[in-house]
Amino acid sequence: MSQEAFADKCGLDRTYISGIERGVRNPTLEVINTIANGLNVKLDVLFQF
């Protein structure tokens, strides 16, 4: 899935998703939850190490 398609699915801007991927943006917990929903995973899955 492209950044643009994923950003649209999540309701976020593509450049914001790009910034998160490059490590220049620090998403809030709310945005991380939105991303988890876009990936169809539970929020805690993203925090498992």
PDB file of N, CA and C in Angstrom:
ATOM      1  N   MET A   1       0.843  -1.166   0.000  1.00  0.00           N
ATOM      2  CA  MET A   1       0.000   0.000   0.000  1.00  0.00           C
ATOM      3  C   MET A   1       0.896   1.239   0.000  1.00  0.00           C
ATOM      4  N   SER A   2       0.527   2.202  -0.793  1.00  0.00           N
ATOM      5  CA  SER A   2       1.317   3.432  -0.872  1.00  0.00           C
ATOM      6  C   SER A   2       1.088   4.296   0.372  1.00  0.00           C
ATOM      7  N   GLN A   3       2.008   5.212   0.604  1.00  0.00           N
ATOM      8  CA  GLN A   3       1.830   6.167   1.702  1.00  0.00           C
ATOM      9  C   GLN A   3       0.540   6.941   1.523  1.00  0.00           C
ATOM     10  N   GLU A   4       0.271   7.348   0.304  1.00  0.00           N
ATOM     11  CA  GLU A   4      -0.927   8.139   0.040  1.00  0.00           C
ATOM     12  C   GLU A   4      -2.195   7.349   0.339  1.00  0.00           C
ATOM     13  N   ALA A   5      -2.247   6.095  -0.099  1.00  0.00           N
ATOM     14  CA  ALA A   5      -3.422   5.257   0.161  1.00  0.00           C
ATOM     15  C   ALA A   5      -3.588   5.015   1.654  1.00  0.00           C
ATOM     16  N   PHE A   6      -2.473   4.744   2.337  1.00  0.00           N
ATOM     17  CA  PHE A   6      -2.540   4.504   3.781  1.00  0.00           C
ATOM     18  C   PHE A   6      -2.961   5.764   4.530  1.00  0.00           C
ATOM     19  N   ALA A   7      -2.401   6.890   4.155  1.00  0.00           N
ATOM     20  CA  ALA A   7      -2.764   8.158   4.793  1.00  0.00           C
ATOM     21  C   ALA A   7      -4.253   8.446   4.600  1.00  0.00           C
ATOM     22  N   ASP A   8      -4.756   8.209   3.398  1.00  0.00           N
ATOM     23  CA  ASP A   8      -6.185   8.411   3.141  1.00  0.00           C
ATOM     24  C   ASP A   8      -7.023   7.485   4.000  1.00  0.00           C
ATOM     25  N   LYS A   9      -6.598   6.238   4.123  1.00  0.00           N
ATOM     26  CA  LYS A   9      -7.317   5.252   4.936  1.00  0.00           C
ATOM     27  C   LYS A   9      -7.389   5.693   6.392  1.00  0.00           C
ATOM     28  N   CYS A  10      -6.309   6.314   6.869  1.00  0.00           N
ATOM     29  CA  CYS A  10      -6.233   6.749   8.266  1.00  0.00           C
ATOM     30  C   CYS A  10      -6.813   8.142   8.488  1.00  0.00           C
ATOM     31  N   GLY A  11      -7.029   8.882   7.407  1.00  0.00           N
ATOM     32  CA  GLY A  11      -7.495  10.251   7.545  1.00  0.00           C
ATOM     33  C   GLY A  11      -6.387  11.215   7.927  1.00  0.00           C
ATOM     34  N   LEU A  12      -5.151  10.869   7.547  1.00  0.00           N
ATOM     35  CA  LEU A  12      -3.993  11.706   7.846  1.00  0.00           C
ATOM     36  C   LEU A  12      -3.387  12.198   6.531  1.00  0.00           C
ATOM     37  N   ASP A  13      -2.535  13.198   6.631  1.00  0.00           N
ATOM     38  CA  ASP A  13      -1.859  13.721   5.451  1.00  0.00           C
ATOM     39  C   ASP A  13      -0.681  12.825   5.090  1.00  0.00           C
ATOM     40  N   ARG A  14      -0.445  12.626   3.799  1.00  0.00           N
ATOM     41  CA  ARG A  14       0.652  11.778   3.345  1.00  0.00           C
ATOM     42  C   ARG A  14       1.995  12.270   3.847  1.00  0.00           C
ATOM     43  N   THR A  15       2.192  13.584   3.876  1.00  0.00           N
ATOM     44  CA  THR A  15       3.479  14.124   4.322  1.00  0.00           C
ATOM     45  C   THR A  15       3.700  13.864   5.819  1.00  0.00           C
ATOM     46  N   TYR A  16       2.598  13.783   6.574  1.00  0.00           N
ATOM     47  CA  TYR A  16       2.710  13.465   8.006  1.00  0.00           C
ATOM     48  C   TYR A  16       3.162  12.019   8.189  1.00  0.00           C
ATOM     49  N   ILE A  17       2.563  11.104   7.415  1.00  0.00           N
ATOM     50  CA  ILE A  17       2.967   9.696   7.462  1.00  0.00           C
ATOM     51  C   ILE A  17       4.438   9.569   7.058  1.00  0.00           C
ATOM     52  N   SER A  18       4.830  10.285   6.022  1.00  0.00           N
ATOM     53  CA  SER A  18       6.215  10.276   5.570  1.00  0.00           C
ATOM     54  C   SER A  18       7.150  10.751   6.681  1.00  0.00           C
ATOM     55  N   GLY A  19       6.760  11.803   7.371  1.00  0.00           N
ATOM     56  CA  GLY A  19       7.575  12.324   8.462  1.00  0.00           C
ATOM     57  C   GLY A  19       7.724  11.338   9.604  1.00  0.00           C
ATOM     58  N   ILE A  20       6.672  10.604   9.902  1.00  0.00           N
ATOM     59  CA  ILE A  20       6.737   9.574  10.943  1.00  0.00           C
ATOM     60  C   ILE A  20       7.709   8.483  10.515  1.00  0.00           C
ATOM     61  N   GLU A  21       7.581   8.031   9.263  1.00  0.00           N
ATOM     62  CA  GLU A  21       8.467   6.977   8.760  1.00  0.00           C
ATOM     63  C   GLU A  21       9.933   7.403   8.775  1.00  0.00           C
ATOM     64  N   ARG A  22      10.199   8.656   8.491  1.00  0.00           N
ATOM     65  CA  ARG A  22      11.581   9.151   8.451  1.00  0.00           C
ATOM     66  C   ARG A  22      12.104   9.543   9.821  1.00  0.00           C
ATOM     67  N   GLY A  23      11.241   9.551  10.831  1.00  0.00           N
ATOM     68  CA  GLY A  23      11.673   9.878  12.183  1.00  0.00           C
ATOM     69  C   GLY A  23      11.776  11.358  12.463  1.00  0.00           C
ATOM     70  N   VAL A  24      11.180  12.195  11.618  1.00  0.00           N
ATOM     71  CA  VAL A  24      11.232  13.637  11.843  1.00  0.00           C
ATOM     72  C   VAL A  24       9.953  14.153  12.507  1.00  0.00           C
ATOM     73  N   ARG A  25       8.962  13.298  12.638  1.00  0.00           N
ATOM     74  CA  ARG A  25       7.715  13.644  13.319  1.00  0.00           C
ATOM     75  C   ARG A  25       7.534  12.706  14.502  1.00  0.00           C
ATOM     76  N   ASN A  26       7.010  13.227  15.576  1.00  0.00           N
ATOM     77  CA  ASN A  26       6.692  12.434  16.755  1.00  0.00           C
ATOM     78  C   ASN A  26       5.177  12.398  16.917  1.00  0.00           C
ATOM     79  N   PRO A  27       4.552  11.291  16.516  1.00  0.00           N
ATOM     80  CA  PRO A  27       3.095  11.226  16.585  1.00  0.00           C
ATOM     81  C   PRO A  27       2.599  11.131  18.025  1.00  0.00           C
ATOM     82  N   THR A  28       1.425  11.686  18.244  1.00  0.00           N
ATOM     83  CA  THR A  28       0.793  11.563  19.557  1.00  0.00           C
ATOM     84  C   THR A  28       0.236  10.150  19.697  1.00  0.00           C
ATOM     85  N   LEU A  29      -0.147   9.779  20.902  1.00  0.00           N
ATOM     86  CA  LEU A  29      -0.747   8.473  21.136  1.00  0.00           C
ATOM     87  C   LEU A  29      -2.050   8.337  20.346  1.00  0.00           C
ATOM     88  N   GLU A  30      -2.761   9.426  20.187  1.00  0.00           N
ATOM     89  CA  GLU A  30      -3.994   9.410  19.397  1.00  0.00           C
ATOM     90  C   GLU A  30      -3.700   9.060  17.934  1.00  0.00           C
ATOM     91  N   VAL A  31      -2.648   9.646  17.379  1.00  0.00           N
ATOM     92  CA  VAL A  31      -2.268   9.350  15.993  1.00  0.00           C
ATOM     93  C   VAL A  31      -1.763   7.910  15.881  1.00  0.00           C
ATOM     94  N   ILE A  32      -1.013   7.449  16.868  1.00  0.00           N
ATOM     95  CA  ILE A  32      -0.547   6.064  16.858  1.00  0.00           C
ATOM     96  C   ILE A  32      -1.738   5.112  16.878  1.00  0.00           C
ATOM     97  N   ASN A  33      -2.755   5.435  17.630  1.00  0.00           N
ATOM     98  CA  ASN A  33      -3.974   4.623  17.658  1.00  0.00           C
ATOM     99  C   ASN A  33      -4.645   4.637  16.280  1.00  0.00           C
ATOM    100  N   THR A  34      -4.688   5.788  15.633  1.00  0.00           N
ATOM    101  CA  THR A  34      -5.264   5.895  14.293  1.00  0.00           C
ATOM    102  C   THR A  34      -4.487   5.017  13.310  1.00  0.00           C
ATOM    103  N   ILE A  35      -3.177   5.022  13.429  1.00  0.00           N
ATOM    104  CA  ILE A  35      -2.336   4.190  12.562  1.00  0.00           C
ATOM    105  C   ILE A  35      -2.589   2.708  12.837  1.00  0.00           C
ATOM    106  N   ALA A  36      -2.690   2.335  14.098  1.00  0.00           N
ATOM    107  CA  ALA A  36      -2.987   0.941  14.447  1.00  0.00           C
ATOM    108  C   ALA A  36      -4.305   0.511  13.822  1.00  0.00           C
ATOM    109  N   ASN A  37      -5.306   1.370  13.904  1.00  0.00           N
ATOM    110  CA  ASN A  37      -6.599   1.056  13.294  1.00  0.00           C
ATOM    111  C   ASN A  37      -6.456   0.898  11.786  1.00  0.00           C
ATOM    112  N   GLY A  38      -5.651   1.751  11.162  1.00  0.00           N
ATOM    113  CA  GLY A  38      -5.412   1.648   9.731  1.00  0.00           C
ATOM    114  C   GLY A  38      -4.715   0.357   9.337  1.00  0.00           C
ATOM    115  N   LEU A  39      -3.911  -0.165  10.250  1.00  0.00           N
ATOM    116  CA  LEU A  39      -3.201  -1.430  10.017  1.00  0.00           C
ATOM    117  C   LEU A  39      -4.026  -2.636  10.455  1.00  0.00           C
ATOM    118  N   ASN A  40      -5.179  -2.372  11.050  1.00  0.00           N
ATOM    119  CA  ASN A  40      -6.051  -3.438  11.582  1.00  0.00           C
ATOM    120  C   ASN A  40      -5.371  -4.270  12.655  1.00  0.00           C
ATOM    121  N   VAL A  41      -4.637  -3.571  13.530  1.00  0.00           N
ATOM    122  CA  VAL A  41      -4.011  -4.233  14.678  1.00  0.00           C
ATOM    123  C   VAL A  41      -4.386  -3.468  15.941  1.00  0.00           C
ATOM    124  N   LYS A  42      -4.293  -4.160  17.080  1.00  0.00           N
ATOM    125  CA  LYS A  42      -4.548  -3.496  18.354  1.00  0.00           C
ATOM    126  C   LYS A  42      -3.374  -2.575  18.686  1.00  0.00           C
ATOM    127  N   LEU A  43      -3.674  -1.508  19.387  1.00  0.00           N
ATOM    128  CA  LEU A  43      -2.654  -0.515  19.731  1.00  0.00           C
ATOM    129  C   LEU A  43      -1.472  -1.158  20.459  1.00  0.00           C
ATOM    130  N   ASP A  44      -1.732  -2.070  21.374  1.00  0.00           N
ATOM    131  CA  ASP A  44      -0.641  -2.656  22.153  1.00  0.00           C
ATOM    132  C   ASP A  44       0.320  -3.481  21.292  1.00  0.00           C
ATOM    133  N   VAL A  45      -0.125  -3.963  20.149  1.00  0.00           N
ATOM    134  CA  VAL A  45       0.749  -4.721  19.259  1.00  0.00           C
ATOM    135  C   VAL A  45       1.900  -3.851  18.762  1.00  0.00           C
ATOM    136  N   LEU A  46       1.638  -2.567  18.544  1.00  0.00           N
ATOM    137  CA  LEU A  46       2.681  -1.669  18.068  1.00  0.00           C
ATOM    138  C   LEU A  46       3.745  -1.404  19.125  1.00  0.00           C
ATOM    139  N   PHE A  47       3.440  -1.693  20.388  1.00  0.00           N
ATOM    140  CA  PHE A  47       4.377  -1.429  21.479  1.00  0.00           C
ATOM    141  C   PHE A  47       5.050  -2.687  22.013  1.00  0.00           C
ATOM    142  N   GLN A  48       4.814  -3.827  21.379  1.00  0.00           N
ATOM    143  CA  GLN A  48       5.461  -5.072  21.810  1.00  0.00           C
ATOM    144  C   GLN A  48       6.869  -5.121  21.237  1.00  0.00           C
ATOM    145  N   PHE A  49       7.814  -5.455  22.095  1.00  0.00           N
ATOM    146  CA  PHE A  49       9.209  -5.540  21.667  1.00  0.00           C
ATOM    147  C   PHE A  49       9.675  -6.964  21.742  1.00  0.00           C
TER     148      PHE A  49
END
